PDB file of N, CA and C in Angstrom:
ATOM      1  N   MET A   1     -78.660-153.131 127.130  1.00  0.00           N
ATOM      2  CA  MET A   1     -77.549-152.644 126.299  1.00  0.00           C
ATOM      3  C   MET A   1     -76.363-153.605 126.363  1.00  0.00           C
ATOM      4  N   MET A   2     -76.058-154.123 127.555  1.00  0.00           N
ATOM      5  CA  MET A   2     -74.883-154.980 127.710  1.00  0.00           C
ATOM      6  C   MET A   2     -75.222-156.462 127.476  1.00  0.00           C
ATOM      7  N   GLU A   3     -76.488-156.823 127.698  1.00  0.00           N
ATOM      8  CA  GLU A   3     -76.872-158.224 127.640  1.00  0.00           C
ATOM      9  C   GLU A   3     -76.586-158.813 126.267  1.00  0.00           C
ATOM     10  N   GLY A   4     -76.134-160.051 126.275  1.00  0.00           N
ATOM     11  CA  GLY A   4     -75.917-160.756 125.024  1.00  0.00           C
ATOM     12  C   GLY A   4     -74.632-160.374 124.312  1.00  0.00           C
ATOM     13  N   LYS A   5     -73.833-159.509 124.916  1.00  0.00           N
ATOM     14  CA  LYS A   5     -72.559-159.130 124.292  1.00  0.00           C
ATOM     15  C   LYS A   5     -71.525-160.222 124.568  1.00  0.00           C
ATOM     16  N   LYS A   6     -70.725-160.524 123.553  1.00  0.00           N
ATOM     17  CA  LYS A   6     -69.679-161.529 123.689  1.00  0.00           C
ATOM     18  C   LYS A   6     -68.342-160.800 123.791  1.00  0.00           C
ATOM     19  N   VAL A   7     -67.718-160.923 124.964  1.00  0.00           N
ATOM     20  CA  VAL A   7     -66.529-160.132 125.274  1.00  0.00           C
ATOM     21  C   VAL A   7     -65.353-161.032 125.606  1.00  0.00           C
ATOM     22  N   ILE A   8     -64.174-160.667 125.115  1.00  0.00           N
ATOM     23  CA  ILE A   8     -62.951-161.346 125.556  1.00  0.00           C
ATOM     24  C   ILE A   8     -62.099-160.288 126.244  1.00  0.00           C
ATOM     25  N   PHE A   9     -61.522-160.649 127.389  1.00  0.00           N
ATOM     26  CA  PHE A   9     -60.619-159.697 128.008  1.00  0.00           C
ATOM     27  C   PHE A   9     -59.258-160.333 128.239  1.00  0.00           C
ATOM     28  N   VAL A  10     -58.246-159.483 128.110  1.00  0.00           N
ATOM     29  CA  VAL A  10     -56.862-159.914 128.072  1.00  0.00           C
ATOM     30  C   VAL A  10     -56.111-159.221 129.197  1.00  0.00           C
ATOM     31  N   GLU A  11     -55.598-160.016 130.128  1.00  0.00           N
ATOM     32  CA  GLU A  11     -54.960-159.458 131.323  1.00  0.00           C
ATOM     33  C   GLU A  11     -54.041-160.531 131.902  1.00  0.00           C
ATOM     34  N   ASP A  12     -52.789-160.176 132.173  1.00  0.00           N
ATOM     35  CA  ASP A  12     -51.854-161.203 132.659  1.00  0.00           C
ATOM     36  C   ASP A  12     -51.941-161.467 134.152  1.00  0.00           C
ATOM     37  N   SER A  13     -52.520-160.560 134.917  1.00  0.00           N
ATOM     38  CA  SER A  13     -52.614-160.756 136.366  1.00  0.00           C
ATOM     39  C   SER A  13     -53.890-161.515 136.741  1.00  0.00           C
ATOM     40  N   PRO A  14     -53.743-162.681 137.386  1.00  0.00           N
ATOM     41  CA  PRO A  14     -54.924-163.461 137.785  1.00  0.00           C
ATOM     42  C   PRO A  14     -55.864-162.672 138.699  1.00  0.00           C
ATOM     43  N   THR A  15     -55.308-161.878 139.599  1.00  0.00           N
ATOM     44  CA  THR A  15     -56.129-161.065 140.508  1.00  0.00           C
ATOM     45  C   THR A  15     -56.961-160.064 139.720  1.00  0.00           C
ATOM     46  N   MET A  16     -56.296-159.387 138.794  1.00  0.00           N
ATOM     47  CA  MET A  16     -56.981-158.387 137.972  1.00  0.00           C
ATOM     48  C   MET A  16     -58.028-159.061 137.078  1.00  0.00           C
ATOM     49  N   ARG A  17     -57.715-160.256 136.580  1.00  0.00           N
ATOM     50  CA  ARG A  17     -58.691-160.983 135.755  1.00  0.00           C
ATOM     51  C   ARG A  17     -59.959-161.253 136.558  1.00  0.00           C
ATOM     52  N   ARG A  18     -59.796-161.634 137.824  1.00  0.00           N
ATOM     53  CA  ARG A  18     -60.955-161.912 138.676  1.00  0.00           C
ATOM     54  C   ARG A  18     -61.778-160.633 138.890  1.00  0.00           C
ATOM     55  N   ILE A  19     -61.091-159.527 139.132  1.00  0.00           N
ATOM     56  CA  ILE A  19     -61.773-158.239 139.337  1.00  0.00           C
ATOM     57  C   ILE A  19     -62.562-157.847 138.080  1.00  0.00           C
ATOM     58  N   ILE A  20     -61.921-157.983 136.926  1.00  0.00           N
ATOM     59  CA  ILE A  20     -62.589-157.612 135.673  1.00  0.00           C
ATOM     60  C   ILE A  20     -63.792-158.525 135.419  1.00  0.00           C
ATOM     61  N   MET A  21     -63.596-159.830 135.622  1.00  0.00           N
ATOM     62  CA  MET A  21     -64.682-160.798 135.420  1.00  0.00           C
ATOM     63  C   MET A  21     -65.881-160.438 136.314  1.00  0.00           C
ATOM     64  N   ASN A  22     -65.618-160.177 137.600  1.00  0.00           N
ATOM     65  CA  ASN A  22     -66.689-159.815 138.534  1.00  0.00           C
ATOM     66  C   ASN A  22     -67.371-158.520 138.115  1.00  0.00           C
ATOM     67  N   SER A  23     -66.578-157.544 137.684  1.00  0.00           N
ATOM     68  CA  SER A  23     -67.126-156.262 137.255  1.00  0.00           C
ATOM     69  C   SER A  23     -68.031-156.444 136.039  1.00  0.00           C
ATOM     70  N   LEU A  24     -67.591-157.245 135.070  1.00  0.00           N
ATOM     71  CA  LEU A  24     -68.388-157.469 133.861  1.00  0.00           C
ATOM     72  C   LEU A  24     -69.705-158.148 134.210  1.00  0.00           C
ATOM     73  N   LYS A  25     -69.634-159.155 135.070  1.00  0.00           N
ATOM     74  CA  LYS A  25     -70.864-159.852 135.473  1.00  0.00           C
ATOM     75  C   LYS A  25     -71.820-158.898 136.187  1.00  0.00           C
ATOM     76  N   LYS A  26     -71.249-158.027 137.043  1.00  0.00           N
ATOM     77  CA  LYS A  26     -72.062-157.046 137.778  1.00  0.00           C
ATOM     78  C   LYS A  26     -72.831-156.120 136.845  1.00  0.00           C
ATOM     79  N   ILE A  27     -72.238-155.818 135.700  1.00  0.00           N
ATOM     80  CA  ILE A  27     -72.910-154.887 134.787  1.00  0.00           C
ATOM     81  C   ILE A  27     -73.693-155.616 133.695  1.00  0.00           C
ATOM     82  N   GLY A  28     -73.835-156.941 133.855  1.00  0.00           N
ATOM     83  CA  GLY A  28     -74.734-157.684 132.964  1.00  0.00           C
ATOM     84  C   GLY A  28     -74.100-158.340 131.757  1.00  0.00           C
ATOM     85  N   ILE A  29     -72.769-158.397 131.718  1.00  0.00           N
ATOM     86  CA  ILE A  29     -72.109-159.086 130.603  1.00  0.00           C
ATOM     87  C   ILE A  29     -71.709-160.476 131.084  1.00  0.00           C
ATOM     88  N   GLU A  30     -72.383-161.500 130.520  1.00  0.00           N
ATOM     89  CA  GLU A  30     -72.198-162.871 130.996  1.00  0.00           C
ATOM     90  C   GLU A  30     -71.281-163.697 130.090  1.00  0.00           C
ATOM     91  N   ASP A  31     -71.301-163.393 128.796  1.00  0.00           N
ATOM     92  CA  ASP A  31     -70.554-164.200 127.828  1.00  0.00           C
ATOM     93  C   ASP A  31     -69.119-163.682 127.726  1.00  0.00           C
ATOM     94  N   VAL A  32     -68.285-164.125 128.681  1.00  0.00           N
ATOM     95  CA  VAL A  32     -66.943-163.571 128.807  1.00  0.00           C
ATOM     96  C   VAL A  32     -65.884-164.659 128.707  1.00  0.00           C
ATOM     97  N   THR A  33     -64.866-164.397 127.897  1.00  0.00           N
ATOM     98  CA  THR A  33     -63.718-165.295 127.781  1.00  0.00           C
ATOM     99  C   THR A  33     -62.508-164.531 128.285  1.00  0.00           C
ATOM    100  N   GLU A  34     -61.640-165.196 129.045  1.00  0.00           N
ATOM    101  CA  GLU A  34     -60.435-164.498 129.487  1.00  0.00           C
ATOM    102  C   GLU A  34     -59.192-165.058 128.820  1.00  0.00           C
ATOM    103  N   ALA A  35     -58.207-164.187 128.608  1.00  0.00           N
ATOM    104  CA  ALA A  35     -56.935-164.579 128.003  1.00  0.00           C
ATOM    105  C   ALA A  35     -55.813-163.911 128.790  1.00  0.00           C
ATOM    106  N   GLU A  36     -54.628-164.540 128.769  1.00  0.00           N
ATOM    107  CA  GLU A  36     -53.511-164.054 129.584  1.00  0.00           C
ATOM    108  C   GLU A  36     -52.626-163.027 128.891  1.00  0.00           C
ATOM    109  N   ASN A  37     -52.616-163.044 127.572  1.00  0.00           N
ATOM    110  CA  ASN A  37     -51.823-162.079 126.804  1.00  0.00           C
ATOM    111  C   ASN A  37     -52.353-162.066 125.370  1.00  0.00           C
ATOM    112  N   GLY A  38     -51.735-161.246 124.533  1.00  0.00           N
ATOM    113  CA  GLY A  38     -52.219-161.105 123.163  1.00  0.00           C
ATOM    114  C   GLY A  38     -52.209-162.393 122.362  1.00  0.00           C
ATOM    115  N   VAL A  39     -51.170-163.202 122.543  1.00  0.00           N
ATOM    116  CA  VAL A  39     -51.055-164.467 121.799  1.00  0.00           C
ATOM    117  C   VAL A  39     -52.213-165.380 122.184  1.00  0.00           C
ATOM    118  N   ASP A  40     -52.443-165.508 123.497  1.00  0.00           N
ATOM    119  CA  ASP A  40     -53.526-166.318 124.036  1.00  0.00           C
ATOM    120  C   ASP A  40     -54.881-165.806 123.514  1.00  0.00           C
ATOM    121  N   ALA A  41     -55.023-164.488 123.492  1.00  0.00           N
ATOM    122  CA  ALA A  41     -56.281-163.882 123.035  1.00  0.00           C
ATOM    123  C   ALA A  41     -56.552-164.216 121.569  1.00  0.00           C
ATOM    124  N   LEU A  42     -55.560-164.032 120.715  1.00  0.00           N
ATOM    125  CA  LEU A  42     -55.749-164.303 119.287  1.00  0.00           C
ATOM    126  C   LEU A  42     -56.099-165.769 119.069  1.00  0.00           C
ATOM    127  N   ASP A  43     -55.440-166.623 119.846  1.00  0.00           N
ATOM    128  CA  ASP A  43     -55.709-168.055 119.831  1.00  0.00           C
ATOM    129  C   ASP A  43     -57.173-168.349 120.148  1.00  0.00           C
ATOM    130  N   LYS A  44     -57.633-167.763 121.243  1.00  0.00           N
ATOM    131  CA  LYS A  44     -59.000-168.021 121.712  1.00  0.00           C
ATOM    132  C   LYS A  44     -60.050-167.363 120.828  1.00  0.00           C
ATOM    133  N   MET A  45     -59.692-166.259 120.196  1.00  0.00           N
ATOM    134  CA  MET A  45     -60.651-165.565 119.339  1.00  0.00           C
ATOM    135  C   MET A  45     -60.923-166.340 118.066  1.00  0.00           C
ATOM    136  N   GLY A  46     -59.865-166.955 117.533  1.00  0.00           N
ATOM    137  CA  GLY A  46     -60.023-167.727 116.308  1.00  0.00           C
ATOM    138  C   GLY A  46     -60.744-166.926 115.242  1.00  0.00           C
ATOM    139  N   ASP A  47     -61.764-167.540 114.644  1.00  0.00           N
ATOM    140  CA  ASP A  47     -62.539-166.827 113.619  1.00  0.00           C
ATOM    141  C   ASP A  47     -63.923-166.458 114.122  1.00  0.00           C
ATOM    142  N   ALA A  48     -64.138-166.630 115.418  1.00  0.00           N
ATOM    143  CA  ALA A  48     -65.459-166.338 115.987  1.00  0.00           C
ATOM    144  C   ALA A  48     -65.737-164.843 115.919  1.00  0.00           C
ATOM    145  N   SER A  49     -66.998-164.475 116.067  1.00  0.00           N
ATOM    146  CA  SER A  49     -67.291-163.044 116.095  1.00  0.00           C
ATOM    147  C   SER A  49     -67.429-162.607 117.552  1.00  0.00           C
ATOM    148  N   TRP A  50     -66.871-161.451 117.844  1.00  0.00           N
ATOM    149  CA  TRP A  50     -66.840-160.902 119.193  1.00  0.00           C
ATOM    150  C   TRP A  50     -67.428-159.510 119.167  1.00  0.00           C
ATOM    151  N   ASP A  51     -68.062-159.118 120.271  1.00  0.00           N
ATOM    152  CA  ASP A  51     -68.632-157.771 120.341  1.00  0.00           C
ATOM    153  C   ASP A  51     -67.615-156.765 120.851  1.00  0.00           C
ATOM    154  N   MET A  52     -66.629-157.268 121.625  1.00  0.00           N
ATOM    155  CA  MET A  52     -65.683-156.338 122.224  1.00  0.00           C
ATOM    156  C   MET A  52     -64.459-157.051 122.772  1.00  0.00           C
ATOM    157  N   VAL A  53     -63.325-156.354 122.705  1.00  0.00           N
ATOM    158  CA  VAL A  53     -62.105-156.819 123.365  1.00  0.00           C
ATOM    159  C   VAL A  53     -61.753-155.796 124.445  1.00  0.00           C
ATOM    160  N   ILE A  54     -61.461-156.294 125.631  1.00  0.00           N
ATOM    161  CA  ILE A  54     -60.968-155.441 126.714  1.00  0.00           C
ATOM    162  C   ILE A  54     -59.549-155.928 126.977  1.00  0.00           C
ATOM    163  N   THR A  55     -58.579-155.043 126.890  1.00  0.00           N
ATOM    164  CA  THR A  55     -57.202-155.504 127.047  1.00  0.00           C
ATOM    165  C   THR A  55     -56.366-154.619 127.962  1.00  0.00           C
ATOM    166  N   ASP A  56     -55.466-155.277 128.660  1.00  0.00           N
ATOM    167  CA  ASP A  56     -54.449-154.598 129.438  1.00  0.00           C
ATOM    168  C   ASP A  56     -53.399-154.089 128.447  1.00  0.00           C
ATOM    169  N   TRP A  57     -52.544-153.185 128.873  1.00  0.00           N
ATOM    170  CA  TRP A  57     -51.485-152.681 127.998  1.00  0.00           C
ATOM    171  C   TRP A  57     -50.197-153.477 128.212  1.00  0.00           C
ATOM    172  N   ASN A  58     -49.725-153.521 129.467  1.00  0.00           N
ATOM    173  CA  ASN A  58     -48.447-154.178 129.743  1.00  0.00           C
ATOM    174  C   ASN A  58     -48.637-155.657 130.039  1.00  0.00           C
ATOM    175  N   MET A  59     -48.202-156.500 129.097  1.00  0.00           N
ATOM    176  CA  MET A  59     -48.299-157.952 129.272  1.00  0.00           C
ATOM    177  C   MET A  59     -47.111-158.606 128.597  1.00  0.00           C
ATOM    178  N   PRO A  60     -46.732-159.799 129.066  1.00  0.00           N
ATOM    179  CA  PRO A  60     -45.645-160.535 128.401  1.00  0.00           C
ATOM    180  C   PRO A  60     -46.107-161.106 127.061  1.00  0.00           C
ATOM    181  N   GLU A  61     -45.168-161.569 126.268  1.00  0.00           N
ATOM    182  CA  GLU A  61     -45.399-162.240 124.970  1.00  0.00           C
ATOM    183  C   GLU A  61     -45.965-161.338 123.888  1.00  0.00           C
ATOM    184  N   MET A  62     -47.183-160.823 124.111  1.00  0.00           N
ATOM    185  CA  MET A  62     -47.726-159.842 123.166  1.00  0.00           C
ATOM    186  C   MET A  62     -48.526-158.854 123.999  1.00  0.00           C
ATOM    187  N   ASN A  63     -48.084-157.597 124.024  1.00  0.00           N
ATOM    188  CA  ASN A  63     -48.763-156.624 124.880  1.00  0.00           C
ATOM    189  C   ASN A  63     -50.017-156.063 124.210  1.00  0.00           C
ATOM    190  N   GLY A  64     -50.697-155.183 124.934  1.00  0.00           N
ATOM    191  CA  GLY A  64     -51.952-154.632 124.441  1.00  0.00           C
ATOM    192  C   GLY A  64     -51.801-153.849 123.156  1.00  0.00           C
ATOM    193  N   GLU A  65     -50.713-153.106 123.070  1.00  0.00           N
ATOM    194  CA  GLU A  65     -50.472-152.306 121.863  1.00  0.00           C
ATOM    195  C   GLU A  65     -50.324-153.210 120.645  1.00  0.00           C
ATOM    196  N   GLU A  66     -49.526-154.267 120.783  1.00  0.00           N
ATOM    197  CA  GLU A  66     -49.321-155.208 119.668  1.00  0.00           C
ATOM    198  C   GLU A  66     -50.622-155.919 119.305  1.00  0.00           C
ATOM    199  N   LEU A  67     -51.402-156.262 120.329  1.00  0.00           N
ATOM    200  CA  LEU A  67     -52.684-156.927 120.088  1.00  0.00           C
ATOM    201  C   LEU A  67     -53.637-156.011 119.324  1.00  0.00           C
ATOM    202  N   VAL A  68     -53.730-154.760 119.757  1.00  0.00           N
ATOM    203  CA  VAL A  68     -54.625-153.806 119.087  1.00  0.00           C
ATOM    204  C   VAL A  68     -54.216-153.641 117.623  1.00  0.00           C
ATOM    205  N   ARG A  69     -52.917-153.473 117.384  1.00  0.00           N
ATOM    206  CA  ARG A  69     -52.448-153.299 116.000  1.00  0.00           C
ATOM    207  C   ARG A  69     -52.780-154.537 115.156  1.00  0.00           C
ATOM    208  N   GLU A  70     -52.584-155.703 115.743  1.00  0.00           N
ATOM    209  CA  GLU A  70     -52.876-156.968 115.065  1.00  0.00           C
ATOM    210  C   GLU A  70     -54.368-157.061 114.711  1.00  0.00           C
ATOM    211  N   LEU A  71     -55.225-156.754 115.677  1.00  0.00           N
ATOM    212  CA  LEU A  71     -56.672-156.821 115.443  1.00  0.00           C
ATOM    213  C   LEU A  71     -57.118-155.790 114.419  1.00  0.00           C
ATOM    214  N   ARG A  72     -56.595-154.574 114.524  1.00  0.00           N
ATOM    215  CA  ARG A  72     -56.984-153.515 113.594  1.00  0.00           C
ATOM    216  C   ARG A  72     -56.533-153.824 112.166  1.00  0.00           C
ATOM    217  N   GLY A  73     -55.550-154.718 112.038  1.00  0.00           N
ATOM    218  CA  GLY A  73     -55.077-155.108 110.712  1.00  0.00           C
ATOM    219  C   GLY A  73     -55.917-156.195 110.063  1.00  0.00           C
ATOM    220  N   LYS A  74     -56.853-156.766 110.806  1.00  0.00           N
ATOM    221  CA  LYS A  74     -57.709-157.836 110.259  1.00  0.00           C
ATOM    222  C   LYS A  74     -59.066-157.248 109.898  1.00  0.00           C
ATOM    223  N   ASP A  75     -59.541-157.595 108.704  1.00  0.00           N
ATOM    224  CA  ASP A  75     -60.824-157.050 108.243  1.00  0.00           C
ATOM    225  C   ASP A  75     -61.952-157.266 109.234  1.00  0.00           C
ATOM    226  N   GLN A  76     -62.052-158.496 109.771  1.00  0.00           N
ATOM    227  CA  GLN A  76     -63.213-158.786 110.614  1.00  0.00           C
ATOM    228  C   GLN A  76     -63.177-158.057 111.958  1.00  0.00           C
ATOM    229  N   TYR A  77     -61.992-157.579 112.361  1.00  0.00           N
ATOM    230  CA  TYR A  77     -61.889-156.910 113.661  1.00  0.00           C
ATOM    231  C   TYR A  77     -61.551-155.431 113.566  1.00  0.00           C
ATOM    232  N   LYS A  78     -61.481-154.891 112.345  1.00  0.00           N
ATOM    233  CA  LYS A  78     -60.995-153.515 112.241  1.00  0.00           C
ATOM    234  C   LYS A  78     -61.935-152.488 112.876  1.00  0.00           C
ATOM    235  N   ASP A  79     -63.232-152.826 112.974  1.00  0.00           N
ATOM    236  CA  ASP A  79     -64.186-151.895 113.572  1.00  0.00           C
ATOM    237  C   ASP A  79     -64.712-152.349 114.936  1.00  0.00           C
ATOM    238  N   MET A  80     -64.216-153.483 115.422  1.00  0.00           N
ATOM    239  CA  MET A  80     -64.706-154.013 116.688  1.00  0.00           C
ATOM    240  C   MET A  80     -64.261-153.124 117.849  1.00  0.00           C
ATOM    241  N   PRO A  81     -65.163-152.856 118.802  1.00  0.00           N
ATOM    242  CA  PRO A  81     -64.784-152.032 119.945  1.00  0.00           C
ATOM    243  C   PRO A  81     -63.657-152.657 120.770  1.00  0.00           C
ATOM    244  N   ILE A  82     -62.673-151.841 121.116  1.00  0.00           N
ATOM    245  CA  ILE A  82     -61.570-152.270 121.984  1.00  0.00           C
ATOM    246  C   ILE A  82     -61.469-151.269 123.130  1.00  0.00           C
ATOM    247  N   LEU A  83     -61.502-151.807 124.351  1.00  0.00           N
ATOM    248  CA  LEU A  83     -61.356-150.982 125.549  1.00  0.00           C
ATOM    249  C   LEU A  83     -60.034-151.364 126.203  1.00  0.00           C
ATOM    250  N   MET A  84     -59.223-150.374 126.505  1.00  0.00           N
ATOM    251  CA  MET A  84     -57.952-150.659 127.167  1.00  0.00           C
ATOM    252  C   MET A  84     -58.063-150.310 128.647  1.00  0.00           C
ATOM    253  N   ILE A  85     -57.635-151.264 129.492  1.00  0.00           N
ATOM    254  CA  ILE A  85     -57.607-151.028 130.938  1.00  0.00           C
ATOM    255  C   ILE A  85     -56.148-151.088 131.353  1.00  0.00           C
ATOM    256  N   THR A  86     -55.646-150.029 131.964  1.00  0.00           N
ATOM    257  CA  THR A  86     -54.210-149.990 132.223  1.00  0.00           C
ATOM    258  C   THR A  86     -53.879-149.085 133.405  1.00  0.00           C
ATOM    259  N   THR A  87     -52.698-149.257 133.944  1.00  0.00           N
ATOM    260  CA  THR A  87     -52.208-148.356 134.993  1.00  0.00           C
ATOM    261  C   THR A  87     -51.606-147.106 134.363  1.00  0.00           C
ATOM    262  N   ARG A  88     -51.424-147.133 133.027  1.00  0.00           N
ATOM    263  CA  ARG A  88     -50.786-146.006 132.355  1.00  0.00           C
ATOM    264  C   ARG A  88     -51.792-144.897 132.121  1.00  0.00           C
ATOM    265  N   GLY A  89     -51.814-143.911 133.008  1.00  0.00           N
ATOM    266  CA  GLY A  89     -52.820-142.869 132.921  1.00  0.00           C
ATOM    267  C   GLY A  89     -52.337-141.533 132.393  1.00  0.00           C
ATOM    268  N   MET A  90     -51.096-141.468 131.951  1.00  0.00           N
ATOM    269  CA  MET A  90     -50.566-140.197 131.442  1.00  0.00           C
ATOM    270  C   MET A  90     -51.267-139.827 130.137  1.00  0.00           C
ATOM    271  N   GLN A  91     -51.398-138.533 129.916  1.00  0.00           N
ATOM    272  CA  GLN A  91     -52.066-138.039 128.709  1.00  0.00           C
ATOM    273  C   GLN A  91     -51.433-138.617 127.432  1.00  0.00           C
ATOM    274  N   ASP A  92     -50.093-138.716 127.430  1.00  0.00           N
ATOM    275  CA  ASP A  92     -49.397-139.260 126.258  1.00  0.00           C
ATOM    276  C   ASP A  92     -49.836-140.692 125.979  1.00  0.00           C
ATOM    277  N   ASP A  93     -49.981-141.477 127.062  1.00  0.00           N
ATOM    278  CA  ASP A  93     -50.394-142.873 126.898  1.00  0.00           C
ATOM    279  C   ASP A  93     -51.801-142.955 126.319  1.00  0.00           C
ATOM    280  N   VAL A  94     -52.685-142.098 126.816  1.00  0.00           N
ATOM    281  CA  VAL A  94     -54.063-142.088 126.334  1.00  0.00           C
ATOM    282  C   VAL A  94     -54.078-141.743 124.843  1.00  0.00           C
ATOM    283  N   MET A  95     -53.301-140.737 124.460  1.00  0.00           N
ATOM    284  CA  MET A  95     -53.236-140.334 123.047  1.00  0.00           C
ATOM    285  C   MET A  95     -52.681-141.457 122.182  1.00  0.00           C
ATOM    286  N   THR A  96     -51.631-142.122 122.680  1.00  0.00           N
ATOM    287  CA  THR A  96     -51.038-143.248 121.943  1.00  0.00           C
ATOM    288  C   THR A  96     -52.084-144.335 121.725  1.00  0.00           C
ATOM    289  N   ALA A  97     -52.822-144.663 122.781  1.00  0.00           N
ATOM    290  CA  ALA A  97     -53.839-145.715 122.697  1.00  0.00           C
ATOM    291  C   ALA A  97     -54.919-145.350 121.683  1.00  0.00           C
ATOM    292  N   ILE A  98     -55.333-144.092 121.696  1.00  0.00           N
ATOM    293  CA  ILE A  98     -56.380-143.661 120.764  1.00  0.00           C
ATOM    294  C   ILE A  98     -55.870-143.713 119.327  1.00  0.00           C
ATOM    295  N   LYS A  99     -54.622-143.316 119.124  1.00  0.00           N
ATOM    296  CA  LYS A  99     -54.014-143.396 117.782  1.00  0.00           C
ATOM    297  C   LYS A  99     -53.935-144.852 117.314  1.00  0.00           C
ATOM    298  N   MET A 100     -53.656-145.753 118.252  1.00  0.00           N
ATOM    299  CA  MET A 100     -53.587-147.193 117.920  1.00  0.00           C
ATOM    300  C   MET A 100     -54.918-147.712 117.435  1.00  0.00           C
ATOM    301  N   GLY A 101     -55.991-147.063 117.901  1.00  0.00           N
ATOM    302  CA  GLY A 101     -57.318-147.508 117.480  1.00  0.00           C
ATOM    303  C   GLY A 101     -58.194-148.065 118.583  1.00  0.00           C
ATOM    304  N   VAL A 102     -57.881-147.781 119.856  1.00  0.00           N
ATOM    305  CA  VAL A 102     -58.800-148.230 120.902  1.00  0.00           C
ATOM    306  C   VAL A 102     -59.982-147.266 120.976  1.00  0.00           C
ATOM    307  N   ASN A 103     -61.132-147.786 121.404  1.00  0.00           N
ATOM    308  CA  ASN A 103     -62.348-146.974 121.473  1.00  0.00           C
ATOM    309  C   ASN A 103     -62.565-146.344 122.841  1.00  0.00           C
ATOM    310  N   GLY A 104     -61.894-146.881 123.848  1.00  0.00           N
ATOM    311  CA  GLY A 104     -62.051-146.343 125.188  1.00  0.00           C
ATOM    312  C   GLY A 104     -60.871-146.732 126.047  1.00  0.00           C
ATOM    313  N   TYR A 105     -60.748-146.065 127.183  1.00  0.00           N
ATOM    314  CA  TYR A 105     -59.552-146.188 128.006  1.00  0.00           C
ATOM    315  C   TYR A 105     -59.954-146.081 129.465  1.00  0.00           C
ATOM    316  N   VAL A 106     -59.625-147.081 130.268  1.00  0.00           N
ATOM    317  CA  VAL A 106     -59.930-147.054 131.695  1.00  0.00           C
ATOM    318  C   VAL A 106     -58.621-147.203 132.464  1.00  0.00           C
ATOM    319  N   VAL A 107     -58.416-146.320 133.436  1.00  0.00           N
ATOM    320  CA  VAL A 107     -57.188-146.389 134.231  1.00  0.00           C
ATOM    321  C   VAL A 107     -57.462-147.161 135.530  1.00  0.00           C
ATOM    322  N   LYS A 108     -56.577-148.120 135.832  1.00  0.00           N
ATOM    323  CA  LYS A 108     -56.678-148.868 137.096  1.00  0.00           C
ATOM    324  C   LYS A 108     -56.229-147.964 138.237  1.00  0.00           C
ATOM    325  N   PRO A 109     -56.782-148.102 139.428  1.00  0.00           N
ATOM    326  CA  PRO A 109     -57.930-148.962 139.768  1.00  0.00           C
ATOM    327  C   PRO A 109     -59.231-148.327 139.290  1.00  0.00           C
ATOM    328  N   PHE A 110     -60.246-149.153 139.046  1.00  0.00           N
ATOM    329  CA  PHE A 110     -61.523-148.648 138.544  1.00  0.00           C
ATOM    330  C   PHE A 110     -62.654-149.362 139.279  1.00  0.00           C
ATOM    331  N   THR A 111     -63.864-148.836 139.134  1.00  0.00           N
ATOM    332  CA  THR A 111     -65.036-149.462 139.752  1.00  0.00           C
ATOM    333  C   THR A 111     -65.902-150.052 138.639  1.00  0.00           C
ATOM    334  N   PRO A 112     -66.802-150.986 138.977  1.00  0.00           N
ATOM    335  CA  PRO A 112     -67.730-151.504 137.963  1.00  0.00           C
ATOM    336  C   PRO A 112     -68.513-150.372 137.292  1.00  0.00           C
ATOM    337  N   GLU A 113     -68.820-149.314 138.066  1.00  0.00           N
ATOM    338  CA  GLU A 113     -69.572-148.178 137.505  1.00  0.00           C
ATOM    339  C   GLU A 113     -68.795-147.507 136.378  1.00  0.00           C
ATOM    340  N   ILE A 114     -67.489-147.330 136.596  1.00  0.00           N
ATOM    341  CA  ILE A 114     -66.653-146.700 135.561  1.00  0.00           C
ATOM    342  C   ILE A 114     -66.623-147.590 134.318  1.00  0.00           C
ATOM    343  N   LEU A 115     -66.455-148.895 134.551  1.00  0.00           N
ATOM    344  CA  LEU A 115     -66.417-149.846 133.443  1.00  0.00           C
ATOM    345  C   LEU A 115     -67.734-149.795 132.664  1.00  0.00           C
ATOM    346  N   LYS A 116     -68.836-149.778 133.393  1.00  0.00           N
ATOM    347  CA  LYS A 116     -70.157-149.751 132.763  1.00  0.00           C
ATOM    348  C   LYS A 116     -70.318-148.483 131.924  1.00  0.00           C
ATOM    349  N   LYS A 117     -69.895-147.360 132.483  1.00  0.00           N
ATOM    350  CA  LYS A 117     -70.003-146.083 131.784  1.00  0.00           C
ATOM    351  C   LYS A 117     -69.193-146.114 130.487  1.00  0.00           C
ATOM    352  N   LYS A 118     -67.948-146.587 130.575  1.00  0.00           N
ATOM    353  CA  LYS A 118     -67.074-146.626 129.396  1.00  0.00           C
ATOM    354  C   LYS A 118     -67.612-147.565 128.325  1.00  0.00           C
ATOM    355  N   ILE A 119     -68.056-148.753 128.755  1.00  0.00           N
ATOM    356  CA  ILE A 119     -68.583-149.727 127.787  1.00  0.00           C
ATOM    357  C   ILE A 119     -69.871-149.175 127.163  1.00  0.00           C
ATOM    358  N   GLY A 120     -70.686-148.532 127.998  1.00  0.00           N
ATOM    359  CA  GLY A 120     -71.926-147.917 127.499  1.00  0.00           C
ATOM    360  C   GLY A 120     -71.631-146.875 126.444  1.00  0.00           C
ATOM    361  N   GLU A 121     -70.626-146.049 126.698  1.00  0.00           N
ATOM    362  CA  GLU A 121     -70.245-145.005 125.735  1.00  0.00           C
ATOM    363  C   GLU A 121     -69.809-145.625 124.410  1.00  0.00           C
ATOM    364  N   ILE A 122     -69.057-146.717 124.501  1.00  0.00           N
ATOM    365  CA  ILE A 122     -68.556-147.367 123.284  1.00  0.00           C
ATOM    366  C   ILE A 122     -69.705-147.937 122.456  1.00  0.00           C
ATOM    367  N   PHE A 123     -70.663-148.595 123.130  1.00  0.00           N
ATOM    368  CA  PHE A 123     -71.761-149.228 122.386  1.00  0.00           C
ATOM    369  C   PHE A 123     -72.820-148.252 121.917  1.00  0.00           C
ATOM    370  N   THR A 124     -72.840-147.029 122.461  1.00  0.00           N
ATOM    371  CA  THR A 124     -73.852-146.082 121.989  1.00  0.00           C
ATOM    372  C   THR A 124     -73.271-145.054 121.026  1.00  0.00           C
ATOM    373  N   SER A 125     -71.954-145.074 120.875  1.00  0.00           N
ATOM    374  CA  SER A 125     -71.355-144.053 119.985  1.00  0.00           C
ATOM    375  C   SER A 125     -71.465-144.454 118.533  1.00  0.00           C
TER     376      SER A 125
END
């Protein structure tokens, strides 16, 4: 299910990027690109096709919310799965994220199992 998926993840913390990268590899996702913020992500995405974006919410330059809105405004990315990973676990935040157009929501700290479950739900829905 996860094999062969091309994923970009956006996270400003180098430590968190390492954790996410390790978690993705553990669950069988090998084709992974990392970006530091929304601007960096859009840059790296270019016109390539991606299976999924995993993004943090709070980041400098362009945060997760701005990135999601930007992606949802582009034809080629309007239906692409977006998973948000964030420390913001309040119900209001989750509702805001869903209204923005994210497909799933993971609250930090998380385990590879949680990530696998969420990504699995997104790809089978």
